[in-house]
Amino acid sequence: MGEINLKHGNAGPGVSGYRKGCRCPGCVGKKRDANAAYRARKKLEAAGGVMPSAPGMLPPAVEASTLAIAWAAPAGPIESVLTEELDALIGEPPFKKTLTVLAKYNARVLDQIPNLDRPDLISGMQSRLFNVFDRLRRVETPVGSDSWDLAALLKEDD
């Protein structure tokens, strides 16, 4: 008898192997990807979008949102207070400069969220800022001060 010629999922563009009953990982993955692409096409068509008809064609250009973070704007109230507090930070935690920049970045975004009309972003940005605060937590021993004398602490009182 003749052997059935299957195109396995990773051997070609079709999913003919899956259609003929093959359930190897390649065929199952190819079928899953084809189904996901089909659902995405249908969703885009339902929304009034147009899918590129030929491979290599680019999807239609999307205009940039007019609502964006104004990076050149003056510091808002959160960023201003944060800057004052960071200047008063005692000690040198690891990555202090990087964490300071991240904190200012997060504060700027928090200051401008009301202008973007996206209150759903507030909680996530606050969490990120609090994470930076945890990492910038005050170091007990300021730079240049004497460190603890562990020998003296461990010495029994006579």
N, C-alpha and C. Protein backbone atom coordinates (compact mmCIF):
# COMPACT_ATOMS: atom_id res chain seq x y z
N MET A 1 0.81 -1.18 0.00
CA MET A 1 0.00 0.00 0.00
C MET A 1 0.86 1.25 0.00
N GLY A 2 0.32 2.33 -0.53
CA GLY A 2 1.06 3.58 -0.58
C GLY A 2 1.06 4.27 0.77
N GLU A 3 2.10 4.98 1.03
CA GLU A 3 2.24 5.71 2.30
C GLU A 3 1.58 7.08 2.17
N ILE A 4 0.88 7.50 3.21
CA ILE A 4 0.23 8.81 3.18
C ILE A 4 1.32 9.87 3.35
N ASN A 5 1.30 10.85 2.47
CA ASN A 5 2.29 11.91 2.50
C ASN A 5 1.74 13.06 3.36
N LEU A 6 2.28 13.23 4.56
CA LEU A 6 1.84 14.29 5.46
C LEU A 6 2.83 15.43 5.46
N LYS A 7 2.30 16.65 5.49
CA LYS A 7 3.15 17.82 5.72
C LYS A 7 3.04 18.10 7.21
N HIS A 8 4.10 17.88 7.93
CA HIS A 8 4.06 18.14 9.36
C HIS A 8 4.13 19.64 9.61
N GLY A 9 3.62 20.05 10.76
CA GLY A 9 3.47 21.46 11.10
C GLY A 9 4.70 22.30 10.90
N ASN A 10 5.85 21.77 11.21
CA ASN A 10 7.05 22.59 11.07
C ASN A 10 7.74 22.38 9.73
N ALA A 11 7.09 21.66 8.79
CA ALA A 11 7.71 21.41 7.50
C ALA A 11 7.14 22.27 6.39
N GLY A 12 6.08 22.98 6.61
CA GLY A 12 5.52 23.78 5.53
C GLY A 12 4.48 24.75 6.04
N PRO A 13 3.92 25.56 5.12
CA PRO A 13 2.98 26.59 5.53
C PRO A 13 1.60 26.06 5.89
N GLY A 14 1.22 24.87 5.44
CA GLY A 14 -0.12 24.35 5.68
C GLY A 14 -0.24 23.62 7.00
N VAL A 15 -1.45 23.20 7.31
CA VAL A 15 -1.71 22.40 8.51
C VAL A 15 -2.29 21.06 8.09
N SER A 16 -1.88 20.58 6.91
CA SER A 16 -2.48 19.36 6.37
C SER A 16 -2.22 18.15 7.25
N GLY A 17 -1.10 18.09 7.93
CA GLY A 17 -0.81 16.96 8.81
C GLY A 17 -1.84 16.86 9.92
N TYR A 18 -2.20 17.98 10.52
CA TYR A 18 -3.19 17.99 11.59
C TYR A 18 -4.55 17.58 11.05
N ARG A 19 -4.89 18.09 9.86
CA ARG A 19 -6.18 17.76 9.25
C ARG A 19 -6.31 16.26 8.97
N LYS A 20 -5.18 15.60 8.74
CA LYS A 20 -5.21 14.17 8.44
C LYS A 20 -5.02 13.33 9.69
N GLY A 21 -5.05 13.96 10.86
CA GLY A 21 -5.03 13.20 12.10
C GLY A 21 -3.71 13.17 12.84
N CYS A 22 -2.67 13.79 12.30
CA CYS A 22 -1.38 13.80 12.99
C CYS A 22 -1.45 14.75 14.19
N ARG A 23 -0.99 14.29 15.34
CA ARG A 23 -1.00 15.11 16.55
C ARG A 23 0.40 15.26 17.12
N CYS A 24 1.39 15.28 16.24
CA CYS A 24 2.76 15.50 16.70
C CYS A 24 2.86 16.95 17.19
N PRO A 25 3.84 17.28 18.02
CA PRO A 25 3.95 18.65 18.55
C PRO A 25 4.03 19.71 17.44
N GLY A 26 4.69 19.41 16.35
CA GLY A 26 4.79 20.37 15.25
C GLY A 26 3.44 20.67 14.63
N CYS A 27 2.64 19.62 14.35
CA CYS A 27 1.33 19.81 13.74
C CYS A 27 0.35 20.49 14.69
N VAL A 28 0.38 20.11 15.95
CA VAL A 28 -0.52 20.73 16.94
C VAL A 28 -0.17 22.21 17.09
N GLY A 29 1.12 22.53 17.14
CA GLY A 29 1.54 23.93 17.28
C GLY A 29 1.16 24.75 16.06
N LYS A 30 1.32 24.17 14.87
CA LYS A 30 0.98 24.87 13.64
C LYS A 30 -0.53 25.14 13.58
N LYS A 31 -1.34 24.17 13.99
CA LYS A 31 -2.79 24.35 14.01
C LYS A 31 -3.19 25.42 15.02
N ARG A 32 -2.55 25.41 16.20
CA ARG A 32 -2.83 26.41 17.22
C ARG A 32 -2.51 27.82 16.70
N ASP A 33 -1.36 27.96 16.02
CA ASP A 33 -0.98 29.26 15.47
C ASP A 33 -1.94 29.70 14.37
N ALA A 34 -2.38 28.75 13.54
CA ALA A 34 -3.33 29.08 12.47
C ALA A 34 -4.66 29.53 13.05
N ASN A 35 -5.12 28.86 14.10
CA ASN A 35 -6.37 29.25 14.75
C ASN A 35 -6.26 30.64 15.38
N ALA A 36 -5.13 30.93 16.00
CA ALA A 36 -4.93 32.25 16.62
C ALA A 36 -4.91 33.34 15.55
N ALA A 37 -4.26 33.08 14.42
CA ALA A 37 -4.23 34.06 13.33
C ALA A 37 -5.63 34.28 12.77
N TYR A 38 -6.40 33.20 12.64
CA TYR A 38 -7.77 33.30 12.13
C TYR A 38 -8.62 34.17 13.07
N ARG A 39 -8.52 33.91 14.39
CA ARG A 39 -9.29 34.69 15.35
C ARG A 39 -8.89 36.17 15.32
N ALA A 40 -7.59 36.43 15.17
CA ALA A 40 -7.12 37.82 15.11
C ALA A 40 -7.65 38.51 13.86
N ARG A 41 -7.65 37.81 12.71
CA ARG A 41 -8.19 38.37 11.47
C ARG A 41 -9.67 38.70 11.61
N LYS A 42 -10.42 37.78 12.18
CA LYS A 42 -11.85 37.98 12.35
C LYS A 42 -12.14 39.15 13.30
N LYS A 43 -11.35 39.26 14.35
CA LYS A 43 -11.54 40.34 15.32
C LYS A 43 -11.24 41.69 14.66
N LEU A 44 -10.19 41.74 13.85
CA LEU A 44 -9.82 42.98 13.16
C LEU A 44 -10.88 43.35 12.13
N GLU A 45 -11.39 42.35 11.39
CA GLU A 45 -12.44 42.61 10.40
C GLU A 45 -13.70 43.12 11.08
N ALA A 46 -14.06 42.54 12.23
CA ALA A 46 -15.26 42.96 12.95
C ALA A 46 -15.12 44.39 13.45
N ALA A 47 -13.90 44.80 13.74
CA ALA A 47 -13.66 46.16 14.23
C ALA A 47 -13.54 47.16 13.08
N GLY A 48 -13.66 46.68 11.84
CA GLY A 48 -13.58 47.57 10.69
C GLY A 48 -12.18 47.74 10.13
N GLY A 49 -11.22 47.02 10.67
CA GLY A 49 -9.85 47.10 10.17
C GLY A 49 -9.68 46.24 8.93
N VAL A 50 -8.60 46.43 8.26
CA VAL A 50 -8.32 45.66 7.05
C VAL A 50 -7.00 44.94 7.25
N MET A 51 -7.01 43.65 7.04
CA MET A 51 -5.78 42.86 7.13
C MET A 51 -4.98 43.00 5.85
N PRO A 52 -3.65 43.00 5.91
CA PRO A 52 -2.86 43.00 4.69
C PRO A 52 -3.17 41.74 3.90
N SER A 53 -3.32 41.88 2.59
CA SER A 53 -3.73 40.74 1.77
C SER A 53 -2.55 39.89 1.32
N ALA A 54 -1.38 40.48 1.20
CA ALA A 54 -0.22 39.72 0.72
C ALA A 54 0.85 39.70 1.81
N PRO A 55 1.60 38.59 1.87
CA PRO A 55 2.68 38.53 2.85
C PRO A 55 3.68 39.66 2.61
N GLY A 56 4.17 40.24 3.65
CA GLY A 56 5.16 41.30 3.54
C GLY A 56 4.53 42.69 3.52
N MET A 57 3.22 42.77 3.31
CA MET A 57 2.56 44.08 3.35
C MET A 57 2.44 44.52 4.80
N LEU A 58 2.60 45.79 5.02
CA LEU A 58 2.50 46.32 6.37
C LEU A 58 1.05 46.64 6.71
N PRO A 59 0.67 46.49 7.97
CA PRO A 59 -0.68 46.89 8.37
C PRO A 59 -0.82 48.40 8.26
N PRO A 60 -2.04 48.90 8.25
CA PRO A 60 -2.23 50.35 8.13
C PRO A 60 -1.57 51.10 9.28
N ALA A 61 -1.05 52.27 8.97
CA ALA A 61 -0.40 53.09 10.00
C ALA A 61 -1.43 53.60 10.99
N VAL A 62 -1.05 53.64 12.25
CA VAL A 62 -1.92 54.13 13.30
C VAL A 62 -1.34 55.43 13.82
N GLU A 63 -2.18 56.45 13.91
CA GLU A 63 -1.70 57.73 14.40
C GLU A 63 -1.33 57.63 15.87
N ALA A 64 -0.28 58.34 16.25
CA ALA A 64 0.13 58.38 17.65
C ALA A 64 -0.93 59.12 18.46
N SER A 65 -1.08 58.69 19.69
CA SER A 65 -2.06 59.30 20.57
C SER A 65 -1.65 60.73 20.88
N THR A 66 -2.64 61.60 20.94
CA THR A 66 -2.35 62.98 21.31
C THR A 66 -2.18 63.09 22.83
N LEU A 67 -2.64 62.07 23.54
CA LEU A 67 -2.47 62.06 24.99
C LEU A 67 -1.21 61.29 25.32
N ALA A 68 -0.19 62.00 25.69
CA ALA A 68 1.07 61.36 26.01
C ALA A 68 1.70 62.09 27.19
N ILE A 69 2.67 61.43 27.81
CA ILE A 69 3.40 62.04 28.92
C ILE A 69 4.25 63.19 28.37
N ALA A 70 4.15 64.33 28.99
CA ALA A 70 4.96 65.49 28.59
C ALA A 70 6.27 65.46 29.37
N TRP A 71 7.28 64.86 28.79
CA TRP A 71 8.55 64.68 29.49
C TRP A 71 9.26 66.01 29.72
N ALA A 72 9.00 67.01 28.88
CA ALA A 72 9.68 68.30 29.02
C ALA A 72 8.90 69.26 29.94
N ALA A 73 7.76 68.84 30.43
CA ALA A 73 6.95 69.70 31.30
C ALA A 73 7.66 69.92 32.64
N PRO A 74 7.33 71.00 33.34
CA PRO A 74 7.91 71.21 34.66
C PRO A 74 7.43 70.12 35.62
N ALA A 75 8.19 69.92 36.67
CA ALA A 75 7.86 68.89 37.66
C ALA A 75 6.52 69.21 38.31
N GLY A 76 5.72 68.16 38.50
CA GLY A 76 4.43 68.31 39.16
C GLY A 76 4.60 68.20 40.67
N PRO A 77 3.49 68.18 41.42
CA PRO A 77 3.59 68.16 42.88
C PRO A 77 4.25 66.90 43.44
N ILE A 78 3.95 65.74 42.87
CA ILE A 78 4.55 64.50 43.39
C ILE A 78 6.04 64.49 43.10
N GLU A 79 6.41 64.84 41.88
CA GLU A 79 7.84 64.83 41.52
C GLU A 79 8.62 65.87 42.32
N SER A 80 8.03 67.03 42.58
CA SER A 80 8.72 68.08 43.34
C SER A 80 9.02 67.62 44.77
N VAL A 81 8.02 67.05 45.43
CA VAL A 81 8.22 66.59 46.81
C VAL A 81 9.21 65.43 46.82
N LEU A 82 9.09 64.53 45.84
CA LEU A 82 10.01 63.40 45.76
C LEU A 82 11.45 63.87 45.61
N THR A 83 11.68 64.87 44.79
CA THR A 83 13.03 65.38 44.58
C THR A 83 13.61 65.93 45.88
N GLU A 84 12.79 66.66 46.64
CA GLU A 84 13.25 67.17 47.94
C GLU A 84 13.63 66.03 48.88
N GLU A 85 12.78 65.01 48.92
CA GLU A 85 13.04 63.88 49.82
C GLU A 85 14.26 63.08 49.38
N LEU A 86 14.45 62.92 48.08
CA LEU A 86 15.62 62.18 47.60
C LEU A 86 16.91 62.94 47.91
N ASP A 87 16.85 64.28 47.86
CA ASP A 87 18.03 65.08 48.20
C ASP A 87 18.41 64.93 49.67
N ALA A 88 17.42 64.64 50.52
CA ALA A 88 17.67 64.48 51.96
C ALA A 88 17.97 63.03 52.34
N LEU A 89 18.03 62.15 51.37
CA LEU A 89 18.27 60.74 51.63
C LEU A 89 19.63 60.54 52.30
N ILE A 90 19.63 59.80 53.40
CA ILE A 90 20.86 59.54 54.14
C ILE A 90 21.39 58.17 53.73
N GLY A 91 22.69 58.09 53.54
CA GLY A 91 23.31 56.82 53.22
C GLY A 91 23.41 56.59 51.72
N GLU A 92 24.01 55.48 51.39
CA GLU A 92 24.22 55.12 49.99
C GLU A 92 23.69 53.73 49.71
N PRO A 93 22.40 53.59 49.45
CA PRO A 93 21.90 52.27 49.10
C PRO A 93 22.45 51.85 47.74
N PRO A 94 22.49 50.56 47.48
CA PRO A 94 22.96 50.11 46.18
C PRO A 94 22.08 50.68 45.06
N PHE A 95 22.72 51.06 43.98
CA PHE A 95 22.04 51.59 42.79
C PHE A 95 21.25 52.86 43.08
N LYS A 96 21.76 53.70 43.96
CA LYS A 96 21.04 54.91 44.37
C LYS A 96 20.73 55.81 43.18
N LYS A 97 21.70 56.03 42.29
CA LYS A 97 21.47 56.92 41.16
C LYS A 97 20.38 56.38 40.24
N THR A 98 20.45 55.09 39.92
CA THR A 98 19.46 54.48 39.03
C THR A 98 18.09 54.51 39.67
N LEU A 99 18.01 54.16 40.95
CA LEU A 99 16.72 54.16 41.64
C LEU A 99 16.13 55.56 41.75
N THR A 100 16.99 56.56 41.88
CA THR A 100 16.53 57.94 41.94
C THR A 100 15.89 58.33 40.61
N VAL A 101 16.52 57.96 39.51
CA VAL A 101 15.96 58.26 38.19
C VAL A 101 14.62 57.54 38.00
N LEU A 102 14.56 56.27 38.40
CA LEU A 102 13.31 55.52 38.29
C LEU A 102 12.19 56.15 39.13
N ALA A 103 12.53 56.59 40.31
CA ALA A 103 11.53 57.22 41.19
C ALA A 103 11.00 58.50 40.54
N LYS A 104 11.88 59.31 39.98
CA LYS A 104 11.46 60.56 39.34
C LYS A 104 10.60 60.27 38.10
N TYR A 105 10.97 59.25 37.37
CA TYR A 105 10.19 58.83 36.19
C TYR A 105 8.77 58.45 36.61
N ASN A 106 8.67 57.60 37.63
CA ASN A 106 7.36 57.17 38.11
C ASN A 106 6.55 58.35 38.65
N ALA A 107 7.20 59.26 39.36
CA ALA A 107 6.51 60.42 39.90
C ALA A 107 5.98 61.31 38.78
N ARG A 108 6.74 61.48 37.72
CA ARG A 108 6.30 62.31 36.59
C ARG A 108 5.06 61.70 35.94
N VAL A 109 5.08 60.38 35.78
CA VAL A 109 3.91 59.71 35.20
C VAL A 109 2.70 59.88 36.12
N LEU A 110 2.89 59.70 37.42
CA LEU A 110 1.78 59.86 38.37
C LEU A 110 1.22 61.28 38.33
N ASP A 111 2.10 62.28 38.20
CA ASP A 111 1.64 63.66 38.13
C ASP A 111 0.77 63.92 36.91
N GLN A 112 1.03 63.22 35.81
CA GLN A 112 0.33 63.52 34.56
C GLN A 112 -0.83 62.58 34.25
N ILE A 113 -1.06 61.57 35.07
CA ILE A 113 -2.16 60.65 34.81
C ILE A 113 -3.52 61.36 34.75
N PRO A 114 -3.81 62.35 35.61
CA PRO A 114 -5.10 63.04 35.48
C PRO A 114 -5.30 63.69 34.11
N ASN A 115 -4.24 64.20 33.50
CA ASN A 115 -4.35 64.81 32.17
C ASN A 115 -4.64 63.78 31.09
N LEU A 116 -4.23 62.53 31.31
CA LEU A 116 -4.43 61.47 30.33
C LEU A 116 -5.81 60.83 30.45
N ASP A 117 -6.52 61.17 31.52
CA ASP A 117 -7.83 60.57 31.79
C ASP A 117 -7.71 59.04 31.86
N ARG A 118 -6.68 58.58 32.58
CA ARG A 118 -6.45 57.14 32.74
C ARG A 118 -6.23 56.81 34.21
N PRO A 119 -7.26 56.97 35.06
CA PRO A 119 -7.08 56.69 36.49
C PRO A 119 -6.74 55.23 36.77
N ASP A 120 -6.97 54.34 35.81
CA ASP A 120 -6.63 52.94 36.01
C ASP A 120 -5.13 52.71 36.12
N LEU A 121 -4.33 53.67 35.70
CA LEU A 121 -2.87 53.54 35.77
C LEU A 121 -2.30 53.91 37.13
N ILE A 122 -3.07 54.58 37.95
CA ILE A 122 -2.55 55.12 39.21
C ILE A 122 -2.03 54.02 40.13
N SER A 123 -2.82 52.99 40.36
CA SER A 123 -2.45 51.94 41.30
C SER A 123 -1.13 51.26 40.90
N GLY A 124 -0.99 50.92 39.63
CA GLY A 124 0.23 50.27 39.18
C GLY A 124 1.46 51.16 39.32
N MET A 125 1.31 52.44 38.99
CA MET A 125 2.45 53.35 39.11
C MET A 125 2.81 53.59 40.57
N GLN A 126 1.79 53.64 41.45
CA GLN A 126 2.08 53.79 42.87
C GLN A 126 2.84 52.57 43.38
N SER A 127 2.45 51.40 42.95
CA SER A 127 3.15 50.18 43.37
C SER A 127 4.61 50.22 42.93
N ARG A 128 4.84 50.65 41.71
CA ARG A 128 6.22 50.75 41.22
C ARG A 128 7.03 51.75 42.05
N LEU A 129 6.40 52.87 42.36
CA LEU A 129 7.10 53.89 43.14
C LEU A 129 7.40 53.38 44.54
N PHE A 130 6.44 52.68 45.16
CA PHE A 130 6.68 52.13 46.50
C PHE A 130 7.78 51.08 46.46
N ASN A 131 7.88 50.33 45.39
CA ASN A 131 8.95 49.35 45.24
C ASN A 131 10.31 50.06 45.24
N VAL A 132 10.39 51.18 44.52
CA VAL A 132 11.64 51.96 44.51
C VAL A 132 11.92 52.51 45.90
N PHE A 133 10.88 52.97 46.60
CA PHE A 133 11.07 53.48 47.96
C PHE A 133 11.64 52.39 48.87
N ASP A 134 11.14 51.18 48.73
CA ASP A 134 11.66 50.08 49.54
C ASP A 134 13.15 49.89 49.30
N ARG A 135 13.55 50.03 48.07
CA ARG A 135 14.97 49.83 47.74
C ARG A 135 15.83 51.01 48.17
N LEU A 136 15.22 52.17 48.25
CA LEU A 136 15.96 53.37 48.67
C LEU A 136 15.86 53.60 50.18
N ARG A 137 15.26 52.65 50.87
CA ARG A 137 15.06 52.81 52.31
C ARG A 137 16.34 53.32 52.96
N ARG A 138 16.18 54.20 53.91
CA ARG A 138 17.32 54.85 54.55
C ARG A 138 18.33 53.84 55.09
N VAL A 139 19.56 54.08 54.80
CA VAL A 139 20.65 53.27 55.33
C VAL A 139 21.00 53.83 56.69
N GLU A 140 21.09 52.97 57.69
CA GLU A 140 21.29 53.43 59.07
C GLU A 140 22.63 54.14 59.29
N THR A 141 23.65 53.71 58.60
CA THR A 141 24.97 54.29 58.80
C THR A 141 25.29 55.25 57.66
N PRO A 142 25.32 56.57 57.91
CA PRO A 142 25.65 57.51 56.85
C PRO A 142 27.06 57.27 56.33
N VAL A 143 27.27 57.66 55.10
CA VAL A 143 28.58 57.50 54.49
C VAL A 143 29.61 58.27 55.29
N GLY A 144 30.76 57.66 55.53
CA GLY A 144 31.86 58.31 56.24
C GLY A 144 31.82 58.13 57.74
N SER A 145 30.74 57.59 58.29
CA SER A 145 30.71 57.40 59.74
C SER A 145 31.35 56.07 60.09
N ASP A 146 31.73 55.94 61.35
CA ASP A 146 32.36 54.70 61.79
C ASP A 146 31.34 53.56 61.77
N SER A 147 31.80 52.39 61.37
CA SER A 147 30.92 51.24 61.40
C SER A 147 30.91 50.66 62.82
N TRP A 148 30.00 49.77 63.08
CA TRP A 148 29.91 49.16 64.40
C TRP A 148 31.14 48.34 64.69
N ASP A 149 31.56 48.36 65.93
CA ASP A 149 32.67 47.52 66.37
C ASP A 149 32.07 46.22 66.88
N LEU A 150 32.02 45.21 66.02
CA LEU A 150 31.39 43.95 66.37
C LEU A 150 32.11 43.26 67.53
N ALA A 151 33.43 43.41 67.60
CA ALA A 151 34.19 42.80 68.70
C ALA A 151 33.72 43.34 70.04
N ALA A 152 33.48 44.65 70.07
CA ALA A 152 33.03 45.28 71.32
C ALA A 152 31.61 44.86 71.67
N LEU A 153 30.80 44.66 70.67
CA LEU A 153 29.42 44.24 70.92
C LEU A 153 29.37 42.80 71.45
N LEU A 154 30.27 41.97 70.96
CA LEU A 154 30.27 40.56 71.36
C LEU A 154 31.03 40.30 72.66
N LYS A 155 31.80 41.28 73.10
CA LYS A 155 32.62 41.13 74.30
C LYS A 155 31.71 41.07 75.52
N GLU A 156 31.98 40.14 76.38
CA GLU A 156 31.17 40.01 77.59
C GLU A 156 31.43 41.18 78.51
N ASP A 157 30.39 41.60 79.19
CA ASP A 157 30.56 42.68 80.17
C ASP A 157 31.30 42.12 81.38
N ASP A 158 32.36 42.80 81.79
CA ASP A 158 33.17 42.37 82.94
C ASP A 158 32.74 43.05 84.20
